Amino acid sequence: MSAGADTEREKRFHDFLTRLPHELGLGREDPAEILDRYYTCDIEYHNDGIRLDRDRLIAHVGPARRNGRGLEIEVHDAMVRGDRAAARYTLRAVMRTGKRVEMEIHLFARFASDGRIRRVDSITRTVPQG
């Protein structure tokens, strides 16, 4: 793989980590169109042992958009090697009730040949507020 391809995947992965949550959670664009920019149609997303396919990811957007009012992503570590990527980051959300939610996320991804994500395995931990 060329250095240019690595750089492009690094950019796409950074966008996946930082832009995708904003587009899905706070945007107005059709969630299916957003997902299709970042994921292949046969995406396998495994989060804390739960498998989410494309339809379940789309269904998750409605509640997020209704309840979320603000979002911040802080990427602590990220790396891309060939068709694999990994990241450790924190997601902070403000809900419409004013409640704040903070989650630490460890994520491992595999790219398809077109540069979109085709598999995710992630582990999350909610950070207690107080």
C-alpha atoms as a PDB file:
ATOM      1  CA  MET A   1       0.000   0.000   0.000  1.00  0.00           C
ATOM      2  CA  SER A   2       1.356   3.441  -0.839  1.00  0.00           C
ATOM      3  CA  ALA A   3       1.999   6.229   1.641  1.00  0.00           C
ATOM      4  CA  GLY A   4      -0.777   8.216  -0.051  1.00  0.00           C
ATOM      5  CA  ALA A   5      -3.273   5.401   0.572  1.00  0.00           C
ATOM      6  CA  ASP A   6      -2.204   5.233   4.235  1.00  0.00           C
ATOM      7  CA  THR A   7      -2.661   8.991   4.595  1.00  0.00           C
ATOM      8  CA  GLU A   8      -6.121   8.823   3.014  1.00  0.00           C
ATOM      9  CA  ARG A   9      -7.178   6.004   5.355  1.00  0.00           C
ATOM     10  CA  GLU A  10      -5.857   7.937   8.349  1.00  0.00           C
ATOM     11  CA  LYS A  11      -7.959  10.945   7.327  1.00  0.00           C
ATOM     12  CA  ARG A  12     -11.048   8.785   6.738  1.00  0.00           C
ATOM     13  CA  PHE A  13     -10.575   7.102  10.117  1.00  0.00           C
ATOM     14  CA  HIS A  14     -10.219  10.450  11.889  1.00  0.00           C
ATOM     15  CA  ASP A  15     -13.419  11.650  10.179  1.00  0.00           C
ATOM     16  CA  PHE A  16     -15.117   8.406  11.176  1.00  0.00           C
ATOM     17  CA  LEU A  17     -14.183   9.002  14.826  1.00  0.00           C
ATOM     18  CA  THR A  18     -14.923  12.728  14.991  1.00  0.00           C
ATOM     19  CA  ARG A  19     -17.370  13.755  12.241  1.00  0.00           C
ATOM     20  CA  LEU A  20     -19.644  10.714  12.018  1.00  0.00           C
ATOM     21  CA  PRO A  21     -21.021  11.048  15.581  1.00  0.00           C
ATOM     22  CA  HIS A  22     -21.866  14.724  14.936  1.00  0.00           C
ATOM     23  CA  GLU A  23     -23.476  13.990  11.575  1.00  0.00           C
ATOM     24  CA  LEU A  24     -25.558  11.131  12.971  1.00  0.00           C
ATOM     25  CA  GLY A  25     -26.434  12.506  16.399  1.00  0.00           C
ATOM     26  CA  LEU A  26     -26.929  16.186  15.670  1.00  0.00           C
ATOM     27  CA  GLY A  27     -27.431  16.405  11.904  1.00  0.00           C
ATOM     28  CA  ARG A  28     -30.549  16.477   9.769  1.00  0.00           C
ATOM     29  CA  GLU A  29     -29.338  14.458   6.787  1.00  0.00           C
ATOM     30  CA  ASP A  30     -30.844  11.022   6.167  1.00  0.00           C
ATOM     31  CA  PRO A  31     -29.011   8.618   8.533  1.00  0.00           C
ATOM     32  CA  ALA A  32     -28.786   5.934   5.816  1.00  0.00           C
ATOM     33  CA  GLU A  33     -26.884   8.323   3.533  1.00  0.00           C
ATOM     34  CA  ILE A  34     -24.509   9.256   6.352  1.00  0.00           C
ATOM     35  CA  LEU A  35     -23.854   5.629   7.255  1.00  0.00           C
ATOM     36  CA  ASP A  36     -23.257   4.691   3.638  1.00  0.00           C
ATOM     37  CA  ARG A  37     -20.470   7.287   3.407  1.00  0.00           C
ATOM     38  CA  TYR A  38     -18.574   5.691   6.278  1.00  0.00           C
ATOM     39  CA  TYR A  39     -19.636   2.014   6.305  1.00  0.00           C
ATOM     40  CA  THR A  40     -20.136  -0.733   3.758  1.00  0.00           C
ATOM     41  CA  CYS A  41     -23.743  -1.957   3.418  1.00  0.00           C
ATOM     42  CA  ASP A  42     -22.804  -5.247   5.121  1.00  0.00           C
ATOM     43  CA  ILE A  43     -21.259  -3.532   8.159  1.00  0.00           C
ATOM     44  CA  GLU A  44     -20.764  -5.649  11.261  1.00  0.00           C
ATOM     45  CA  TYR A  45     -20.573  -3.403  14.316  1.00  0.00           C
ATOM     46  CA  HIS A  46     -19.923  -5.230  17.572  1.00  0.00           C
ATOM     47  CA  ASN A  47     -20.257  -2.990  20.619  1.00  0.00           C
ATOM     48  CA  ASP A  48     -19.808  -4.496  24.086  1.00  0.00           C
ATOM     49  CA  GLY A  49     -20.694  -7.903  22.654  1.00  0.00           C
ATOM     50  CA  ILE A  50     -23.845  -6.717  20.848  1.00  0.00           C
ATOM     51  CA  ARG A  51     -23.883  -7.039  17.053  1.00  0.00           C
ATOM     52  CA  LEU A  52     -25.430  -4.147  15.152  1.00  0.00           C
ATOM     53  CA  ASP A  53     -26.048  -4.311  11.429  1.00  0.00           C
ATOM     54  CA  ARG A  54     -26.836  -1.359   9.160  1.00  0.00           C
ATOM     55  CA  ASP A  55     -30.561  -1.357  10.040  1.00  0.00           C
ATOM     56  CA  ARG A  56     -29.900  -1.398  13.783  1.00  0.00           C
ATOM     57  CA  LEU A  57     -27.363   1.421  13.445  1.00  0.00           C
ATOM     58  CA  ILE A  58     -29.934   3.505  11.555  1.00  0.00           C
ATOM     59  CA  ALA A  59     -32.578   2.763  14.215  1.00  0.00           C
ATOM     60  CA  HIS A  60     -30.163   4.009  16.899  1.00  0.00           C
ATOM     61  CA  VAL A  61     -30.014   7.464  15.284  1.00  0.00           C
ATOM     62  CA  GLY A  62     -33.606   8.487  16.091  1.00  0.00           C
ATOM     63  CA  PRO A  63     -33.254   8.404  19.892  1.00  0.00           C
ATOM     64  CA  ALA A  64     -29.810  10.004  19.702  1.00  0.00           C
ATOM     65  CA  ARG A  65     -31.165  12.920  17.663  1.00  0.00           C
ATOM     66  CA  ARG A  66     -34.205  13.370  19.920  1.00  0.00           C
ATOM     67  CA  ASN A  67     -32.206  13.325  23.151  1.00  0.00           C
ATOM     68  CA  GLY A  68     -28.798  14.767  22.280  1.00  0.00           C
ATOM     69  CA  ARG A  69     -28.011  18.477  22.362  1.00  0.00           C
ATOM     70  CA  GLY A  70     -24.231  18.595  22.262  1.00  0.00           C
ATOM     71  CA  LEU A  71     -21.307  16.324  21.522  1.00  0.00           C
ATOM     72  CA  GLU A  72     -17.549  16.390  21.936  1.00  0.00           C
ATOM     73  CA  ILE A  73     -15.047  13.756  20.813  1.00  0.00           C
ATOM     74  CA  GLU A  74     -11.512  13.679  22.206  1.00  0.00           C
ATOM     75  CA  VAL A  75      -9.224  11.228  20.412  1.00  0.00           C
ATOM     76  CA  HIS A  76      -6.394  10.093  22.689  1.00  0.00           C
ATOM     77  CA  ASP A  77      -4.748   7.506  20.425  1.00  0.00           C
ATOM     78  CA  ALA A  78      -5.420   6.385  16.866  1.00  0.00           C
ATOM     79  CA  MET A  79      -3.490   4.350  14.359  1.00  0.00           C
ATOM     80  CA  VAL A  80      -4.052   2.909  10.909  1.00  0.00           C
ATOM     81  CA  ARG A  81      -2.037   0.059   9.433  1.00  0.00           C
ATOM     82  CA  GLY A  82      -3.132  -1.342   6.086  1.00  0.00           C
ATOM     83  CA  ASP A  83      -6.785  -2.329   6.338  1.00  0.00           C
ATOM     84  CA  ARG A  84      -6.902  -2.127  10.153  1.00  0.00           C
ATOM     85  CA  ALA A  85      -7.335   0.759  12.551  1.00  0.00           C
ATOM     86  CA  ALA A  86      -7.572   1.244  16.298  1.00  0.00           C
ATOM     87  CA  ALA A  87      -8.463   4.141  18.548  1.00  0.00           C
ATOM     88  CA  ARG A  88      -8.944   5.113  22.162  1.00  0.00           C
ATOM     89  CA  TYR A  89     -11.162   8.137  22.634  1.00  0.00           C
ATOM     90  CA  THR A  90     -13.692   9.845  24.880  1.00  0.00           C
ATOM     91  CA  LEU A  91     -17.196  10.839  23.817  1.00  0.00           C
ATOM     92  CA  ARG A  92     -18.965  13.504  25.882  1.00  0.00           C
ATOM     93  CA  ALA A  93     -22.626  14.237  25.232  1.00  0.00           C
ATOM     94  CA  VAL A  94     -25.111  16.712  26.645  1.00  0.00           C
ATOM     95  CA  MET A  95     -28.684  15.465  26.686  1.00  0.00           C
ATOM     96  CA  ARG A  96     -31.789  17.648  26.241  1.00  0.00           C
ATOM     97  CA  THR A  97     -32.452  17.215  29.982  1.00  0.00           C
ATOM     98  CA  GLY A  98     -29.072  18.795  30.725  1.00  0.00           C
ATOM     99  CA  LYS A  99     -27.606  15.475  31.835  1.00  0.00           C
ATOM    100  CA  ARG A 100     -24.028  14.897  30.743  1.00  0.00           C
ATOM    101  CA  VAL A 101     -22.772  11.508  29.591  1.00  0.00           C
ATOM    102  CA  GLU A 102     -19.104  10.596  29.197  1.00  0.00           C
ATOM    103  CA  MET A 103     -17.870   7.351  27.674  1.00  0.00           C
ATOM    104  CA  GLU A 104     -14.401   5.956  27.122  1.00  0.00           C
ATOM    105  CA  ILE A 105     -14.249   3.940  23.916  1.00  0.00           C
ATOM    106  CA  HIS A 106     -11.681   1.466  22.623  1.00  0.00           C
ATOM    107  CA  LEU A 107     -12.395   0.681  18.987  1.00  0.00           C
ATOM    108  CA  PHE A 108     -10.864  -1.627  16.385  1.00  0.00           C
ATOM    109  CA  ALA A 109     -11.917  -1.361  12.738  1.00  0.00           C
ATOM    110  CA  ARG A 110     -11.336  -3.068   9.403  1.00  0.00           C
ATOM    111  CA  PHE A 111     -11.550  -1.230   6.101  1.00  0.00           C
ATOM    112  CA  ALA A 112     -13.054  -2.530   2.882  1.00  0.00           C
ATOM    113  CA  SER A 113     -11.079  -2.028  -0.329  1.00  0.00           C
ATOM    114  CA  ASP A 114     -13.085   1.160  -1.087  1.00  0.00           C
ATOM    115  CA  GLY A 115     -11.907   2.816   2.147  1.00  0.00           C
ATOM    116  CA  ARG A 116     -15.151   2.505   4.081  1.00  0.00           C
ATOM    117  CA  ILE A 117     -15.382   0.602   7.368  1.00  0.00           C
ATOM    118  CA  ARG A 118     -16.684  -2.966   7.095  1.00  0.00           C
ATOM    119  CA  ARG A 119     -16.242  -4.194  10.685  1.00  0.00           C
ATOM    120  CA  VAL A 120     -15.996  -2.586  14.105  1.00  0.00           C
ATOM    121  CA  ASP A 121     -15.293  -4.160  17.481  1.00  0.00           C
ATOM    122  CA  SER A 122     -15.576  -1.749  20.372  1.00  0.00           C
ATOM    123  CA  ILE A 123     -15.617  -1.720  24.131  1.00  0.00           C
ATOM    124  CA  THR A 124     -17.151   1.185  26.043  1.00  0.00           C
ATOM    125  CA  ARG A 125     -17.107   2.325  29.645  1.00  0.00           C
ATOM    126  CA  THR A 126     -19.398   4.985  31.014  1.00  0.00           C
ATOM    127  CA  VAL A 127     -17.447   7.408  33.182  1.00  0.00           C
ATOM    128  CA  PRO A 128     -19.332   8.133  36.407  1.00  0.00           C
ATOM    129  CA  GLN A 129     -20.304  11.794  36.784  1.00  0.00           C
ATOM    130  CA  GLY A 130     -19.847  13.432  40.106  1.00  0.00           C
END
